C-alpha cells in the first residue's frame, strides 16, 4: 500500500511535523484498506477558517478541533482518495492545555480520530461512540500514547513514541470530534 498524505499549513499556530502526522494516520489505517493505495489531505487551519467550515457544513458557526470530509468518489473509479481532514491548530492547543494533556498526544488523538471518520467510524449513537473510542484508544496505545478518555492518564504522561516536535507554520458532510 502506498500512502500519500498532503499536508497544508494555513495556520501560524505551531503544529506537528509531517512525519508525525503521517505516522498517526498510518497507525489509524492499520487493518483497513490493506493493499490499497490511499491518499489523504490534511489541512491545519486557524479558528476563522474552522468556524467558516463548521458553519457551512454542519450549521455550527464556531470552531471545532477536527472535521473530516470522506471522499464521495464512486469506488468503481478505483481512485485512492480517502478524504480530507481539517484540524484547527489553536483549538487543539487550547484543549490540550485545558485537559492537561501533552500537546503532541492530543494532536495524535485528533489525527487518528479524523482518519477513523474517513474510514466510516462515527460517534452519533452511544454504541458507535464506544466502538470508535475503543479503537482510538487501541491505536493510540500502539503509539505509546495514553488513553485520551481517562482523566488519570491525561496529565503528566509522556508521549514517548512522539517526536514532540512542533513546527511553526507559514502564515461531503464532515464529521466532527465531539467527546461525549
Protein backbone atom coordinates (compact mmCIF):
# COMPACT_ATOMS: atom_id res chain seq x y z
CA UNK A 1 0.00 0.00 0.00
CA UNK A 2 1.22 3.46 -0.84
CA UNK A 3 0.06 6.22 1.48
CA UNK A 4 0.16 9.81 0.28
CA UNK A 5 -0.54 12.47 2.89
CA UNK A 6 -0.82 16.02 1.58
CA UNK A 7 -0.44 18.48 4.46
CA UNK A 8 -1.50 22.09 4.02
CA UNK A 9 -0.49 24.57 6.72
CA UNK A 10 -2.92 27.50 6.85
CA UNK A 11 -2.35 28.46 10.49
CA UNK A 12 0.52 30.26 12.19
CA UNK A 13 -0.03 28.10 15.29
CA UNK A 14 2.73 25.52 15.93
CA UNK A 15 1.81 22.08 14.61
CA UNK A 16 3.40 18.63 14.42
CA UNK A 17 5.80 17.83 11.64
CA UNK A 18 4.74 15.86 8.58
CA UNK A 19 6.39 12.64 9.74
CA UNK A 20 4.36 12.60 12.98
CA UNK A 21 1.08 13.33 11.20
CA UNK A 22 1.78 10.63 8.62
CA UNK A 23 2.70 8.05 11.28
CA UNK A 24 -0.53 8.75 13.20
CA UNK A 25 -2.55 8.30 10.01
CA UNK A 26 -0.70 5.06 9.20
CA UNK A 27 -1.49 3.75 12.69
CA UNK A 28 -5.19 4.56 12.26
CA UNK A 29 -5.26 2.87 8.85
CA UNK A 30 -3.69 -0.36 10.18
CA UNK A 31 -6.06 -3.23 9.44
CA UNK A 32 -8.02 -1.14 6.96
CA UNK A 33 -7.54 -0.69 3.22
CA UNK A 34 -4.95 -3.48 3.12
CA UNK A 35 -3.14 -3.45 -0.22
CA UNK A 36 -4.96 -0.32 -1.39
CA UNK A 37 -3.22 2.90 -2.26
CA UNK A 38 -4.55 5.70 -0.09
CA UNK A 39 -4.41 9.47 -0.34
CA UNK A 40 -5.48 11.81 2.47
CA UNK A 41 -5.28 15.58 2.62
CA UNK A 42 -4.76 17.24 6.00
CA UNK A 43 -5.33 20.97 6.33
CA UNK A 44 -4.16 22.73 9.50
CA UNK A 45 -6.26 25.86 9.96
CA UNK A 46 -6.93 28.80 12.27
CA UNK A 47 -10.14 29.49 14.19
CA UNK A 48 -11.59 31.71 11.48
CA UNK A 49 -11.38 29.09 8.74
CA UNK A 50 -12.65 26.32 11.03
CA UNK A 51 -15.59 28.49 12.14
CA UNK A 52 -16.45 29.07 8.49
CA UNK A 53 -16.23 25.37 7.59
CA UNK A 54 -18.14 24.18 10.65
CA UNK A 55 -20.86 26.75 9.95
CA UNK A 56 -21.09 25.93 6.26
CA UNK A 57 -21.11 22.14 6.52
CA UNK A 58 -22.57 21.46 9.96
CA UNK A 59 -24.59 24.62 10.66
CA UNK A 60 -22.48 25.18 13.79
CA UNK A 61 -20.73 28.54 13.32
CA UNK A 62 -17.99 28.01 15.90
CA UNK A 63 -14.55 26.48 15.75
CA UNK A 64 -14.11 22.80 16.49
CA UNK A 65 -10.99 20.68 16.77
CA UNK A 66 -11.31 18.40 13.74
CA UNK A 67 -13.61 17.88 10.76
CA UNK A 68 -13.40 15.00 8.31
CA UNK A 69 -14.70 15.04 4.76
CA UNK A 70 -14.88 11.48 3.39
CA UNK A 71 -14.42 11.23 -0.36
CA UNK A 72 -17.64 10.76 -2.26
CA UNK A 73 -15.96 9.41 -5.38
CA UNK A 74 -17.56 6.20 -6.67
CA UNK A 75 -15.46 3.19 -5.58
CA UNK A 76 -15.57 1.76 -9.10
CA UNK A 77 -13.29 4.59 -10.23
CA UNK A 78 -10.53 2.99 -8.19
CA UNK A 79 -9.06 6.32 -7.12
CA UNK A 80 -7.06 6.30 -3.87
CA UNK A 81 -8.55 9.47 -2.31
CA UNK A 82 -9.97 8.57 1.11
CA UNK A 83 -10.85 12.16 2.01
CA UNK A 84 -9.80 15.32 3.77
CA UNK A 85 -9.14 16.09 7.43
CA UNK A 86 -9.21 19.67 8.71
CA UNK A 87 -7.64 20.32 12.12
CA UNK A 88 -7.86 23.63 13.95
CA UNK A 89 -4.40 24.14 15.46
CA UNK A 90 -5.35 26.75 18.10
CA UNK A 91 -8.35 24.71 19.29
CA UNK A 92 -6.17 21.60 19.66
CA UNK A 93 -3.61 23.62 21.65
CA UNK A 94 -6.30 25.13 23.89
CA UNK A 95 -7.92 21.74 24.54
CA UNK A 96 -4.61 20.09 25.39
CA UNK A 97 -3.86 22.84 27.92
CA UNK A 98 -7.37 22.77 29.40
CA UNK A 99 -7.34 18.97 29.72
CA UNK A 100 -3.77 18.73 31.00
CA UNK A 101 -2.69 16.54 28.08
CA UNK A 102 0.65 16.62 26.29
CA UNK A 103 0.10 18.69 23.16
CA UNK A 104 1.60 16.09 20.82
CA UNK A 105 -0.64 13.38 22.32
CA UNK A 106 -3.74 15.48 21.68
CA UNK A 107 -2.59 16.16 18.11
CA UNK A 108 -2.17 12.41 17.62
CA UNK A 109 -5.66 11.79 19.01
CA UNK A 110 -7.29 14.35 16.72
CA UNK A 111 -5.42 13.00 13.68
CA UNK A 112 -6.40 9.40 14.48
CA UNK A 113 -9.97 10.50 15.19
CA UNK A 114 -10.26 12.32 11.86
CA UNK A 115 -8.78 9.36 9.99
CA UNK A 116 -11.24 6.94 11.58
CA UNK A 117 -14.10 9.16 10.41
CA UNK A 118 -12.75 8.86 6.87
CA UNK A 119 -12.91 5.08 7.31
CA UNK A 120 -16.60 5.31 8.23
CA UNK A 121 -16.46 5.27 12.02
CA UNK A 122 -18.76 7.65 13.86
CA UNK A 123 -19.93 8.58 17.34
CA UNK A 124 -23.51 9.76 16.89
CA UNK A 125 -25.04 6.77 18.68
CA UNK A 126 -23.69 5.56 22.03
CA UNK A 127 -22.72 2.12 20.71
CA UNK A 128 -20.89 3.72 17.75
CA UNK A 129 -19.13 6.12 20.11
CA UNK A 130 -17.99 3.29 22.38
CA UNK A 131 -16.64 1.31 19.42
CA UNK A 132 -14.86 4.34 17.96
CA UNK A 133 -13.37 5.38 21.30
CA UNK A 134 -12.15 1.82 21.92
CA UNK A 135 -10.46 1.75 18.52
CA UNK A 136 -8.92 5.20 19.08
CA UNK A 137 -7.59 4.01 22.43
CA UNK A 138 -6.05 0.88 20.85
CA UNK A 139 -4.44 2.86 18.03
CA UNK A 140 -3.04 5.44 20.44
CA UNK A 141 -1.80 2.71 22.82
CA UNK A 142 0.14 1.19 19.91
CA UNK A 143 1.82 4.61 19.62
CA UNK A 144 2.54 4.65 23.40
CA UNK A 145 0.03 7.45 23.90
CA UNK A 146 -2.22 7.32 26.99
CA UNK A 147 -5.97 6.81 26.70
CA UNK A 148 -7.47 10.21 25.88
CA UNK A 149 -10.74 9.38 27.65
CA UNK A 150 -9.38 8.53 31.10
CA UNK A 151 -8.76 11.52 33.35
CA UNK A 152 -5.92 9.98 35.36
CA UNK A 153 -3.93 9.12 32.23
CA UNK A 154 -4.18 12.56 30.68
CA UNK A 155 -1.92 14.67 32.83
CA UNK A 156 1.84 14.45 33.10
CA UNK A 157 2.26 11.33 30.98
CA UNK A 158 4.99 11.44 28.36
CA UNK A 159 4.12 10.59 24.81
CA UNK A 160 7.33 8.59 24.34
CA UNK A 161 6.58 7.47 20.81
CA UNK A 162 6.25 11.02 19.56
CA UNK A 163 8.99 13.33 18.48
CA UNK A 164 7.04 16.13 20.19
CA UNK A 165 8.41 18.41 17.52
CA UNK A 166 6.04 21.21 16.72
CA UNK A 167 6.93 23.35 13.76
CA UNK A 168 5.91 26.89 13.02
CA UNK A 169 3.65 27.05 10.00
CA UNK A 170 3.58 29.83 7.45
CA UNK A 171 1.09 32.35 7.96
CA UNK A 172 -19.35 15.98 1.57
CA UNK A 173 -20.67 16.30 5.14
CA UNK A 174 -17.79 16.45 7.57
CA UNK A 175 -17.54 14.56 10.82
CA UNK A 176 -16.63 16.46 13.97
CA UNK A 177 -14.88 15.27 17.09
CA UNK A 178 -17.23 15.92 19.96
CA UNK A 179 -16.32 13.94 23.07
CA UNK A 180 -19.30 12.61 24.95
